[in-house]
């Protein structure tokens, strides 16, 4: 048998965030068992109950008692998919992790195909490319197009199921909802990317946790991730250049105001206010840049400390 047991260390851990999925979990575990049992390597399923209120906890206790390869992590309150994946990764024993939702819109039969390029040494992270009809196709297309344009990552579908080495999740910021940007952050860190087609099915039971209100949040997160990747280590490049441009523009407006006052013999007080606004804003941005540089230095020192601790553990 290839399914993991408490005594056998798995090669692959499937992380399954679940929020109010009591109707889907038994079927998900059955399909996962059918997909993972024939594999030549051991695998486990780690289900993270993210503050469910519909009987999911009771269903998971029964499933874990019946199936040795199922492990359960419980959040007392809803913390989101990013935190759920972090909790699952901390508890998982495999060196390859797979993010799979519990709603059965993705078939567990596609898990071996996602994992194969990583086990073969061809990739560090594999993202699924959705095949079939799904809601919010236009929103997904816009999101993927923006990500490809901003980050230069030529991947068809960034917001889908994924398989990845443990090292990938270890380098991700623990920020709410930033699991959506796992692929672009991993690419920025030099990890190798691959795609694999995955079939998409209609939701069988329950309701989607994603509404239209998530769109503005996703856009703001997108801008934040772009800023972090572009200027996170050198914030003065953004704040300093912008501040210098405003100060220079203020100087140019001031020079024009002097010419108008003393050459053409009439002035405009509005120019004085504009000069003050531009110069003060430029100086403030320079100040933000210096503060950002100090924060970036602290982050680099923390990263170096964590790297040394990891090297010490590896020895």
C-alpha atoms as a PDB file:
ATOM      1  CA  UNK A   1       0.000   0.000   0.000  1.00  0.00           C
ATOM      2  CA  UNK A   2       1.201   3.507  -0.795  1.00  0.00           C
ATOM      3  CA  UNK A   3      -1.052   5.324   1.651  1.00  0.00           C
ATOM      4  CA  UNK A   4       0.800   6.711   4.642  1.00  0.00           C
ATOM      5  CA  UNK A   5       0.324   5.407   8.158  1.00  0.00           C
ATOM      6  CA  UNK A   6       1.442   6.927  11.484  1.00  0.00           C
ATOM      7  CA  UNK A   7       4.551   4.718  11.314  1.00  0.00           C
ATOM      8  CA  UNK A   8       5.372   5.367   7.642  1.00  0.00           C
ATOM      9  CA  UNK A   9       6.753   8.719   6.497  1.00  0.00           C
ATOM     10  CA  UNK A  10       4.956   9.907   3.352  1.00  0.00           C
ATOM     11  CA  UNK A  11       6.622  11.366   0.289  1.00  0.00           C
ATOM     12  CA  UNK A  12       3.626  13.554  -0.579  1.00  0.00           C
ATOM     13  CA  UNK A  13       1.231  15.466   1.684  1.00  0.00           C
ATOM     14  CA  UNK A  14      -2.058  16.753   0.275  1.00  0.00           C
ATOM     15  CA  UNK A  15      -3.167  19.861   2.187  1.00  0.00           C
ATOM     16  CA  UNK A  16      -6.937  20.331   2.152  1.00  0.00           C
ATOM     17  CA  UNK A  17      -8.366  23.535   3.689  1.00  0.00           C
ATOM     18  CA  UNK A  18     -12.013  22.935   4.584  1.00  0.00           C
ATOM     19  CA  UNK A  19     -14.613  25.426   5.776  1.00  0.00           C
ATOM     20  CA  UNK A  20     -18.151  24.022   6.168  1.00  0.00           C
ATOM     21  CA  UNK A  21     -17.562  21.124   3.763  1.00  0.00           C
ATOM     22  CA  UNK A  22     -19.249  18.317   5.727  1.00  0.00           C
ATOM     23  CA  UNK A  23     -21.139  17.102   2.638  1.00  0.00           C
ATOM     24  CA  UNK A  24     -18.063  16.931   0.420  1.00  0.00           C
ATOM     25  CA  UNK A  25     -15.350  15.544   2.706  1.00  0.00           C
ATOM     26  CA  UNK A  26     -16.374  11.841   2.758  1.00  0.00           C
ATOM     27  CA  UNK A  27     -16.468  11.725  -1.040  1.00  0.00           C
ATOM     28  CA  UNK A  28     -13.212  13.695  -1.277  1.00  0.00           C
ATOM     29  CA  UNK A  29     -11.426  11.227   0.999  1.00  0.00           C
ATOM     30  CA  UNK A  30     -12.826   8.287  -0.990  1.00  0.00           C
ATOM     31  CA  UNK A  31     -11.617   9.762  -4.282  1.00  0.00           C
ATOM     32  CA  UNK A  32      -8.237  10.659  -2.748  1.00  0.00           C
ATOM     33  CA  UNK A  33      -7.831   7.090  -1.514  1.00  0.00           C
ATOM     34  CA  UNK A  34      -8.602   5.689  -4.984  1.00  0.00           C
ATOM     35  CA  UNK A  35      -6.117   8.120  -6.581  1.00  0.00           C
ATOM     36  CA  UNK A  36      -3.271   7.687  -4.092  1.00  0.00           C
ATOM     37  CA  UNK A  37      -3.473   3.966  -3.340  1.00  0.00           C
ATOM     38  CA  UNK A  38      -1.892   2.717  -6.627  1.00  0.00           C
ATOM     39  CA  UNK A  39       1.059   5.134  -6.406  1.00  0.00           C
ATOM     40  CA  UNK A  40       4.591   3.783  -5.799  1.00  0.00           C
ATOM     41  CA  UNK A  41       5.223   6.343  -3.037  1.00  0.00           C
ATOM     42  CA  UNK A  42       3.464   6.960   0.269  1.00  0.00           C
ATOM     43  CA  UNK A  43       1.018   9.855   0.536  1.00  0.00           C
ATOM     44  CA  UNK A  44      -1.123  11.400   3.245  1.00  0.00           C
ATOM     45  CA  UNK A  45      -4.093  13.775   3.327  1.00  0.00           C
ATOM     46  CA  UNK A  46      -3.953  16.616   5.859  1.00  0.00           C
ATOM     47  CA  UNK A  47      -7.345  18.297   6.249  1.00  0.00           C
ATOM     48  CA  UNK A  48      -7.391  21.701   7.947  1.00  0.00           C
ATOM     49  CA  UNK A  49     -10.763  22.480   9.512  1.00  0.00           C
ATOM     50  CA  UNK A  50     -10.788  26.259   9.274  1.00  0.00           C
ATOM     51  CA  UNK A  51     -13.371  27.117  11.926  1.00  0.00           C
ATOM     52  CA  UNK A  52     -16.276  25.125  10.441  1.00  0.00           C
ATOM     53  CA  UNK A  53     -19.710  25.341  12.059  1.00  0.00           C
ATOM     54  CA  UNK A  54     -21.651  22.703  10.107  1.00  0.00           C
ATOM     55  CA  UNK A  55     -20.511  19.381  11.521  1.00  0.00           C
ATOM     56  CA  UNK A  56     -17.246  19.206   9.587  1.00  0.00           C
ATOM     57  CA  UNK A  57     -15.297  18.481  12.799  1.00  0.00           C
ATOM     58  CA  UNK A  58     -17.395  15.393  13.585  1.00  0.00           C
ATOM     59  CA  UNK A  59     -17.115  14.110  10.020  1.00  0.00           C
ATOM     60  CA  UNK A  60     -13.326  14.536  10.109  1.00  0.00           C
ATOM     61  CA  UNK A  61     -13.036  12.632  13.378  1.00  0.00           C
ATOM     62  CA  UNK A  62     -14.862   9.706  11.798  1.00  0.00           C
ATOM     63  CA  UNK A  63     -12.759   9.858   8.630  1.00  0.00           C
ATOM     64  CA  UNK A  64      -9.476  10.026  10.563  1.00  0.00           C
ATOM     65  CA  UNK A  65     -10.525   7.056  12.695  1.00  0.00           C
ATOM     66  CA  UNK A  66     -11.411   5.049   9.596  1.00  0.00           C
ATOM     67  CA  UNK A  67      -8.465   6.008   7.369  1.00  0.00           C
ATOM     68  CA  UNK A  68      -4.912   6.017   8.737  1.00  0.00           C
ATOM     69  CA  UNK A  69      -3.674   8.271   5.919  1.00  0.00           C
ATOM     70  CA  UNK A  70      -6.028  11.110   6.935  1.00  0.00           C
ATOM     71  CA  UNK A  71      -4.801  13.635   9.488  1.00  0.00           C
ATOM     72  CA  UNK A  72      -6.797  16.547  10.873  1.00  0.00           C
ATOM     73  CA  UNK A  73      -5.728  20.035  11.948  1.00  0.00           C
ATOM     74  CA  UNK A  74      -8.323  22.297  13.581  1.00  0.00           C
ATOM     75  CA  UNK A  75      -8.586  26.074  13.728  1.00  0.00           C
ATOM     76  CA  UNK A  76     -10.956  27.324  16.413  1.00  0.00           C
ATOM     77  CA  UNK A  77     -12.023  30.211  14.181  1.00  0.00           C
ATOM     78  CA  UNK A  78     -11.762  30.957  10.482  1.00  0.00           C
ATOM     79  CA  UNK A  79      -8.270  32.174   9.607  1.00  0.00           C
ATOM     80  CA  UNK A  80      -8.275  31.889   5.822  1.00  0.00           C
ATOM     81  CA  UNK A  81      -6.652  29.615   3.275  1.00  0.00           C
ATOM     82  CA  UNK A  82      -3.149  31.068   3.675  1.00  0.00           C
ATOM     83  CA  UNK A  83      -3.088  30.312   7.409  1.00  0.00           C
ATOM     84  CA  UNK A  84      -4.682  26.921   6.795  1.00  0.00           C
ATOM     85  CA  UNK A  85      -1.960  25.994   4.319  1.00  0.00           C
ATOM     86  CA  UNK A  86       0.705  27.157   6.769  1.00  0.00           C
ATOM     87  CA  UNK A  87      -0.805  25.049   9.576  1.00  0.00           C
ATOM     88  CA  UNK A  88      -1.078  22.075   7.248  1.00  0.00           C
ATOM     89  CA  UNK A  89       2.530  22.450   6.064  1.00  0.00           C
ATOM     90  CA  UNK A  90       3.766  22.590   9.658  1.00  0.00           C
ATOM     91  CA  UNK A  91       1.984  19.324  10.440  1.00  0.00           C
ATOM     92  CA  UNK A  92       2.650  17.569   7.119  1.00  0.00           C
ATOM     93  CA  UNK A  93       5.452  15.041   6.854  1.00  0.00           C
ATOM     94  CA  UNK A  94       5.966  14.900   3.097  1.00  0.00           C
ATOM     95  CA  UNK A  95       8.668  16.729   1.184  1.00  0.00           C
ATOM     96  CA  UNK A  96       6.190  17.532  -1.598  1.00  0.00           C
ATOM     97  CA  UNK A  97       3.026  19.432  -0.661  1.00  0.00           C
ATOM     98  CA  UNK A  98      -0.169  19.690  -2.689  1.00  0.00           C
ATOM     99  CA  UNK A  99      -2.834  22.381  -2.218  1.00  0.00           C
ATOM    100  CA  UNK A 100      -6.276  20.922  -2.936  1.00  0.00           C
ATOM    101  CA  UNK A 101      -9.638  22.401  -1.876  1.00  0.00           C
ATOM    102  CA  UNK A 102     -12.284  20.110  -0.385  1.00  0.00           C
ATOM    103  CA  UNK A 103     -15.187  21.229  -2.590  1.00  0.00           C
ATOM    104  CA  UNK A 104     -14.621  18.483  -5.221  1.00  0.00           C
ATOM    105  CA  UNK A 105     -14.406  20.986  -8.047  1.00  0.00           C
ATOM    106  CA  UNK A 106     -10.952  19.519  -8.654  1.00  0.00           C
ATOM    107  CA  UNK A 107     -10.689  15.752  -8.923  1.00  0.00           C
ATOM    108  CA  UNK A 108      -8.092  14.066  -6.654  1.00  0.00           C
ATOM    109  CA  UNK A 109      -7.303  11.847  -9.653  1.00  0.00           C
ATOM    110  CA  UNK A 110      -5.191  14.755 -10.990  1.00  0.00           C
ATOM    111  CA  UNK A 111      -2.893  14.795  -7.938  1.00  0.00           C
ATOM    112  CA  UNK A 112      -0.342  12.258  -9.321  1.00  0.00           C
ATOM    113  CA  UNK A 113       0.038  14.313 -12.507  1.00  0.00           C
ATOM    114  CA  UNK A 114       0.742  17.476 -10.498  1.00  0.00           C
ATOM    115  CA  UNK A 115       3.306  15.742  -8.314  1.00  0.00           C
ATOM    116  CA  UNK A 116       5.164  13.812 -11.039  1.00  0.00           C
ATOM    117  CA  UNK A 117       7.332  16.686 -12.448  1.00  0.00           C
ATOM    118  CA  UNK A 118       8.534  17.523  -8.923  1.00  0.00           C
ATOM    119  CA  UNK A 119       9.423  13.945  -8.030  1.00  0.00           C
ATOM    120  CA  UNK A 120      11.200  13.605 -11.382  1.00  0.00           C
ATOM    121  CA  UNK A 121      13.312  16.686 -10.597  1.00  0.00           C
ATOM    122  CA  UNK A 122      11.883  18.720 -13.468  1.00  0.00           C
ATOM    123  CA  UNK A 123      10.131  21.425 -11.441  1.00  0.00           C
ATOM    124  CA  UNK A 124       9.828  22.935  -7.982  1.00  0.00           C
ATOM    125  CA  UNK A 125       6.208  24.051  -8.276  1.00  0.00           C
ATOM    126  CA  UNK A 126       3.472  22.808 -10.603  1.00  0.00           C
ATOM    127  CA  UNK A 127       0.255  24.769 -11.041  1.00  0.00           C
ATOM    128  CA  UNK A 128      -2.922  23.322 -12.482  1.00  0.00           C
ATOM    129  CA  UNK A 129      -4.463  24.717 -15.641  1.00  0.00           C
ATOM    130  CA  UNK A 130      -8.250  24.514 -15.349  1.00  0.00           C
ATOM    131  CA  UNK A 131     -10.026  22.532 -18.060  1.00  0.00           C
ATOM    132  CA  UNK A 132     -13.786  22.958 -18.342  1.00  0.00           C
ATOM    133  CA  UNK A 133     -16.429  25.528 -17.522  1.00  0.00           C
ATOM    134  CA  UNK A 134     -16.227  27.560 -14.335  1.00  0.00           C
ATOM    135  CA  UNK A 135     -17.821  30.678 -12.867  1.00  0.00           C
ATOM    136  CA  UNK A 136     -16.019  34.013 -12.906  1.00  0.00           C
ATOM    137  CA  UNK A 137     -14.009  33.020 -15.962  1.00  0.00           C
ATOM    138  CA  UNK A 138     -13.666  36.663 -17.032  1.00  0.00           C
ATOM    139  CA  UNK A 139     -12.455  37.748 -13.579  1.00  0.00           C
ATOM    140  CA  UNK A 140      -9.936  34.888 -13.568  1.00  0.00           C
ATOM    141  CA  UNK A 141      -8.735  35.860 -17.055  1.00  0.00           C
ATOM    142  CA  UNK A 142      -8.207  39.477 -15.997  1.00  0.00           C
ATOM    143  CA  UNK A 143      -6.368  38.396 -12.842  1.00  0.00           C
ATOM    144  CA  UNK A 144      -4.050  36.041 -14.732  1.00  0.00           C
ATOM    145  CA  UNK A 145      -3.413  38.625 -17.455  1.00  0.00           C
ATOM    146  CA  UNK A 146      -2.497  41.278 -14.867  1.00  0.00           C
ATOM    147  CA  UNK A 147      -0.154  38.869 -13.104  1.00  0.00           C
ATOM    148  CA  UNK A 148       1.584  37.916 -16.335  1.00  0.00           C
ATOM    149  CA  UNK A 149       1.987  41.601 -17.242  1.00  0.00           C
ATOM    150  CA  UNK A 150       3.170  42.789 -13.819  1.00  0.00           C
ATOM    151  CA  UNK A 151       5.367  39.845 -12.852  1.00  0.00           C
ATOM    152  CA  UNK A 152       6.434  38.432 -16.212  1.00  0.00           C
ATOM    153  CA  UNK A 153       5.420  34.885 -15.216  1.00  0.00           C
ATOM    154  CA  UNK A 154       4.211  33.062 -18.318  1.00  0.00           C
ATOM    155  CA  UNK A 155       1.779  30.713 -16.615  1.00  0.00           C
ATOM    156  CA  UNK A 156      -1.762  30.263 -17.904  1.00  0.00           C
ATOM    157  CA  UNK A 157      -3.549  29.877 -14.558  1.00  0.00           C
ATOM    158  CA  UNK A 158      -2.020  31.186 -11.337  1.00  0.00           C
ATOM    159  CA  UNK A 159      -5.038  30.681  -9.065  1.00  0.00           C
ATOM    160  CA  UNK A 160      -5.564  26.918  -9.157  1.00  0.00           C
ATOM    161  CA  UNK A 161      -4.452  23.759  -7.376  1.00  0.00           C
ATOM    162  CA  UNK A 162      -0.699  23.428  -6.939  1.00  0.00           C
ATOM    163  CA  UNK A 163       2.027  20.988  -5.996  1.00  0.00           C
ATOM    164  CA  UNK A 164       5.283  22.333  -4.621  1.00  0.00           C
ATOM    165  CA  UNK A 165       8.396  21.458  -2.702  1.00  0.00           C
ATOM    166  CA  UNK A 166       8.352  22.245   0.997  1.00  0.00           C
ATOM    167  CA  UNK A 167      11.063  24.852   0.421  1.00  0.00           C
ATOM    168  CA  UNK A 168       8.582  26.924  -1.600  1.00  0.00           C
ATOM    169  CA  UNK A 169       6.105  27.382   1.254  1.00  0.00           C
ATOM    170  CA  UNK A 170       8.941  28.007   3.711  1.00  0.00           C
ATOM    171  CA  UNK A 171       9.831  31.141   1.752  1.00  0.00           C
ATOM    172  CA  UNK A 172       6.306  32.563   1.486  1.00  0.00           C
ATOM    173  CA  UNK A 173       5.222  35.547   3.594  1.00  0.00           C
ATOM    174  CA  UNK A 174       2.547  34.651   6.140  1.00  0.00           C
ATOM    175  CA  UNK A 175       0.053  37.214   4.871  1.00  0.00           C
ATOM    176  CA  UNK A 176      -3.728  36.690   4.505  1.00  0.00           C
ATOM    177  CA  UNK A 177      -4.746  35.590   0.986  1.00  0.00           C
ATOM    178  CA  UNK A 178      -1.197  35.685  -0.339  1.00  0.00           C
ATOM    179  CA  UNK A 179      -1.412  31.974  -1.201  1.00  0.00           C
ATOM    180  CA  UNK A 180      -2.882  33.218  -4.503  1.00  0.00           C
ATOM    181  CA  UNK A 181       0.516  34.661  -5.387  1.00  0.00           C
ATOM    182  CA  UNK A 182       2.523  31.558  -4.486  1.00  0.00           C
ATOM    183  CA  UNK A 183       3.545  31.028  -8.104  1.00  0.00           C
ATOM    184  CA  UNK A 184       4.797  34.574  -8.748  1.00  0.00           C
ATOM    185  CA  UNK A 185       6.638  34.737  -5.410  1.00  0.00           C
ATOM    186  CA  UNK A 186       8.234  31.335  -6.058  1.00  0.00           C
ATOM    187  CA  UNK A 187       9.272  32.458  -9.554  1.00  0.00           C
ATOM    188  CA  UNK A 188      10.838  35.609  -8.096  1.00  0.00           C
ATOM    189  CA  UNK A 189      12.850  33.406  -5.724  1.00  0.00           C
ATOM    190  CA  UNK A 190      14.177  31.297  -8.606  1.00  0.00           C
ATOM    191  CA  UNK A 191      12.040  28.170  -8.296  1.00  0.00           C
ATOM    192  CA  UNK A 192      11.254  26.282 -11.496  1.00  0.00           C
ATOM    193  CA  UNK A 193       7.635  26.347 -12.732  1.00  0.00           C
ATOM    194  CA  UNK A 194       5.551  23.874 -14.699  1.00  0.00           C
ATOM    195  CA  UNK A 195       1.899  23.596 -15.682  1.00  0.00           C
ATOM    196  CA  UNK A 196      -0.377  20.585 -15.711  1.00  0.00           C
ATOM    197  CA  UNK A 197      -3.990  20.425 -16.961  1.00  0.00           C
ATOM    198  CA  UNK A 198      -6.612  19.627 -14.310  1.00  0.00           C
ATOM    199  CA  UNK A 199     -10.294  18.962 -14.874  1.00  0.00           C
ATOM    200  CA  UNK A 200     -12.809  21.274 -13.223  1.00  0.00           C
ATOM    201  CA  UNK A 201     -16.166  19.963 -12.031  1.00  0.00           C
ATOM    202  CA  UNK A 202     -19.310  21.762 -10.821  1.00  0.00           C
ATOM    203  CA  UNK A 203     -19.566  22.078  -7.044  1.00  0.00           C
ATOM    204  CA  UNK A 204     -21.620  19.141  -5.714  1.00  0.00           C
ATOM    205  CA  UNK A 205     -22.688  20.541  -2.352  1.00  0.00           C
ATOM    206  CA  UNK A 206     -22.200  23.545  -0.105  1.00  0.00           C
ATOM    207  CA  UNK A 207     -21.610  27.021  -1.405  1.00  0.00           C
ATOM    208  CA  UNK A 208     -18.640  28.968  -2.671  1.00  0.00           C
ATOM    209  CA  UNK A 209     -16.718  31.066  -0.124  1.00  0.00           C
ATOM    210  CA  UNK A 210     -15.662  33.566  -2.792  1.00  0.00           C
ATOM    211  CA  UNK A 211     -17.939  36.481  -3.642  1.00  0.00           C
ATOM    212  CA  UNK A 212     -17.610  39.612  -5.739  1.00  0.00           C
ATOM    213  CA  UNK A 213     -16.389  41.478  -2.633  1.00  0.00           C
ATOM    214  CA  UNK A 214     -13.107  39.592  -2.955  1.00  0.00           C
ATOM    215  CA  UNK A 215     -12.257  41.356  -6.219  1.00  0.00           C
ATOM    216  CA  UNK A 216     -11.159  44.733  -4.709  1.00  0.00           C
ATOM    217  CA  UNK A 217      -9.197  42.871  -2.028  1.00  0.00           C
ATOM    218  CA  UNK A 218      -7.496  40.784  -4.704  1.00  0.00           C
ATOM    219  CA  UNK A 219      -6.538  43.874  -6.721  1.00  0.00           C
ATOM    220  CA  UNK A 220      -5.032  45.577  -3.662  1.00  0.00           C
ATOM    221  CA  UNK A 221      -3.146  42.395  -2.764  1.00  0.00           C
ATOM    222  CA  UNK A 222      -1.871  42.220  -6.336  1.00  0.00           C
ATOM    223  CA  UNK A 223      -0.469  45.758  -6.111  1.00  0.00           C
ATOM    224  CA  UNK A 224       1.026  45.012  -2.684  1.00  0.00           C
ATOM    225  CA  UNK A 225       2.779  41.849  -3.892  1.00  0.00           C
ATOM    226  CA  UNK A 226       4.117  43.690  -6.949  1.00  0.00           C
ATOM    227  CA  UNK A 227       5.493  46.449  -4.716  1.00  0.00           C
ATOM    228  CA  UNK A 228       7.083  43.959  -2.323  1.00  0.00           C
ATOM    229  CA  UNK A 229       8.777  42.013  -5.104  1.00  0.00           C
ATOM    230  CA  UNK A 230       9.889  45.122  -6.993  1.00  0.00           C
ATOM    231  CA  UNK A 231      10.923  47.432  -4.146  1.00  0.00           C
ATOM    232  CA  UNK A 232      10.772  45.359  -0.946  1.00  0.00           C
ATOM    233  CA  UNK A 233      14.559  45.091  -0.674  1.00  0.00           C
ATOM    234  CA  UNK A 234      15.320  48.594  -2.018  1.00  0.00           C
ATOM    235  CA  UNK A 235      12.413  50.855  -1.018  1.00  0.00           C
ATOM    236  CA  UNK A 236      14.460  53.992  -1.659  1.00  0.00           C
ATOM    237  CA  UNK A 237      14.247  53.207  -5.385  1.00  0.00           C
ATOM    238  CA  UNK A 238      10.535  53.967  -5.204  1.00  0.00           C
ATOM    239  CA  UNK A 239      10.263  56.595  -2.496  1.00  0.00           C
ATOM    240  CA  UNK A 240      13.541  58.339  -3.286  1.00  0.00           C
ATOM    241  CA  UNK A 241      13.010  58.609  -7.036  1.00  0.00           C
ATOM    242  CA  UNK A 242       9.412  59.748  -6.592  1.00  0.00           C
ATOM    243  CA  UNK A 243      10.418  62.250  -3.895  1.00  0.00           C
ATOM    244  CA  UNK A 244      13.248  63.628  -6.015  1.00  0.00           C
ATOM    245  CA  UNK A 245      10.895  64.015  -8.981  1.00  0.00           C
ATOM    246  CA  UNK A 246       8.415  65.976  -6.869  1.00  0.00           C
ATOM    247  CA  UNK A 247      11.144  68.238  -5.454  1.00  0.00           C
ATOM    248  CA  UNK A 248      12.501  68.915  -8.944  1.00  0.00           C
ATOM    249  CA  UNK A 249       9.002  69.633 -10.188  1.00  0.00           C
ATOM    250  CA  UNK A 250       8.499  72.004  -7.263  1.00  0.00           C
ATOM    251  CA  UNK A 251      11.748  73.754  -8.136  1.00  0.00           C
ATOM    252  CA  UNK A 252      10.641  74.097 -11.769  1.00  0.00           C
ATOM    253  CA  UNK A 253       7.281  75.558 -10.725  1.00  0.00           C
ATOM    254  CA  UNK A 254       9.091  77.951  -8.363  1.00  0.00           C
ATOM    255  CA  UNK A 255      11.408  79.090 -11.144  1.00  0.00           C
ATOM    256  CA  UNK A 256       8.437  79.728 -13.422  1.00  0.00           C
ATOM    257  CA  UNK A 257       6.693  81.669 -10.643  1.00  0.00           C
ATOM    258  CA  UNK A 258       9.773  83.907 -10.221  1.00  0.00           C
ATOM    259  CA  UNK A 259       9.950  84.551 -13.941  1.00  0.00           C
ATOM    260  CA  UNK A 260       6.270  85.418 -14.024  1.00  0.00           C
ATOM    261  CA  UNK A 261       6.616  87.719 -11.015  1.00  0.00           C
ATOM    262  CA  UNK A 262       9.757  89.620 -11.921  1.00  0.00           C
ATOM    263  CA  UNK A 263       9.836  89.395 -15.718  1.00  0.00           C
ATOM    264  CA  UNK A 264       6.163  89.700 -16.602  1.00  0.00           C
ATOM    265  CA  UNK A 265       5.408  91.755 -13.468  1.00  0.00           C
ATOM    266  CA  UNK A 266       2.412  89.791 -12.222  1.00  0.00           C
ATOM    267  CA  UNK A 267       2.294  86.899  -9.787  1.00  0.00           C
ATOM    268  CA  UNK A 268       0.011  84.096  -8.805  1.00  0.00           C
ATOM    269  CA  UNK A 269      -0.169  82.965  -5.188  1.00  0.00           C
ATOM    270  CA  UNK A 270      -1.402  79.533  -6.302  1.00  0.00           C
ATOM    271  CA  UNK A 271       2.106  78.788  -7.592  1.00  0.00           C
ATOM    272  CA  UNK A 272       3.511  79.369  -4.097  1.00  0.00           C
ATOM    273  CA  UNK A 273       1.092  76.842  -2.619  1.00  0.00           C
ATOM    274  CA  UNK A 274       1.884  74.350  -5.367  1.00  0.00           C
ATOM    275  CA  UNK A 275       5.635  74.704  -4.771  1.00  0.00           C
ATOM    276  CA  UNK A 276       5.175  74.132  -1.032  1.00  0.00           C
ATOM    277  CA  UNK A 277       2.978  71.107  -1.667  1.00  0.00           C
ATOM    278  CA  UNK A 278       5.408  69.498  -4.108  1.00  0.00           C
ATOM    279  CA  UNK A 279       8.524  70.116  -2.033  1.00  0.00           C
ATOM    280  CA  UNK A 280       6.959  68.983   1.257  1.00  0.00           C
ATOM    281  CA  UNK A 281       5.539  65.857  -0.410  1.00  0.00           C
ATOM    282  CA  UNK A 282       8.945  65.098  -1.932  1.00  0.00           C
ATOM    283  CA  UNK A 283      10.736  65.482   1.407  1.00  0.00           C
ATOM    284  CA  UNK A 284       8.092  63.271   3.092  1.00  0.00           C
ATOM    285  CA  UNK A 285       8.620  60.557   0.489  1.00  0.00           C
ATOM    286  CA  UNK A 286      12.363  60.732   1.061  1.00  0.00           C
ATOM    287  CA  UNK A 287      11.655  60.234   4.759  1.00  0.00           C
ATOM    288  CA  UNK A 288       9.513  57.180   3.999  1.00  0.00           C
ATOM    289  CA  UNK A 289      12.369  55.876   1.879  1.00  0.00           C
ATOM    290  CA  UNK A 290      14.868  56.122   4.743  1.00  0.00           C
ATOM    291  CA  UNK A 291      12.459  54.383   7.109  1.00  0.00           C
ATOM    292  CA  UNK A 292      11.840  51.715   4.475  1.00  0.00           C
ATOM    293  CA  UNK A 293      15.579  51.152   4.094  1.00  0.00           C
ATOM    294  CA  UNK A 294      15.904  50.559   7.839  1.00  0.00           C
ATOM    295  CA  UNK A 295      13.001  48.105   7.786  1.00  0.00           C
ATOM    296  CA  UNK A 296      14.512  46.328   4.774  1.00  0.00           C
ATOM    297  CA  UNK A 297      17.838  46.038   6.589  1.00  0.00           C
ATOM    298  CA  UNK A 298      16.107  44.465   9.588  1.00  0.00           C
ATOM    299  CA  UNK A 299      14.352  41.996   7.298  1.00  0.00           C
ATOM    300  CA  UNK A 300      17.642  41.035   5.669  1.00  0.00           C
ATOM    301  CA  UNK A 301      19.238  40.458   9.073  1.00  0.00           C
ATOM    302  CA  UNK A 302      16.270  38.295  10.078  1.00  0.00           C
ATOM    303  CA  UNK A 303      16.513  36.282   6.860  1.00  0.00           C
ATOM    304  CA  UNK A 304      20.221  35.716   7.442  1.00  0.00           C
ATOM    305  CA  UNK A 305      19.549  34.589  11.008  1.00  0.00           C
ATOM    306  CA  UNK A 306      16.867  32.159   9.841  1.00  0.00           C
ATOM    307  CA  UNK A 307      19.183  30.858   7.096  1.00  0.00           C
ATOM    308  CA  UNK A 308      21.952  30.185   9.616  1.00  0.00           C
ATOM    309  CA  UNK A 309      19.508  28.411  11.922  1.00  0.00           C
ATOM    310  CA  UNK A 310      18.331  26.248   9.031  1.00  0.00           C
ATOM    311  CA  UNK A 311      21.921  25.423   8.048  1.00  0.00           C
ATOM    312  CA  UNK A 312      22.642  24.497  11.662  1.00  0.00           C
ATOM    313  CA  UNK A 313      19.609  22.158  11.759  1.00  0.00           C
ATOM    314  CA  UNK A 314      20.626  20.567   8.452  1.00  0.00           C
ATOM    315  CA  UNK A 315      24.005  19.663   9.905  1.00  0.00           C
END
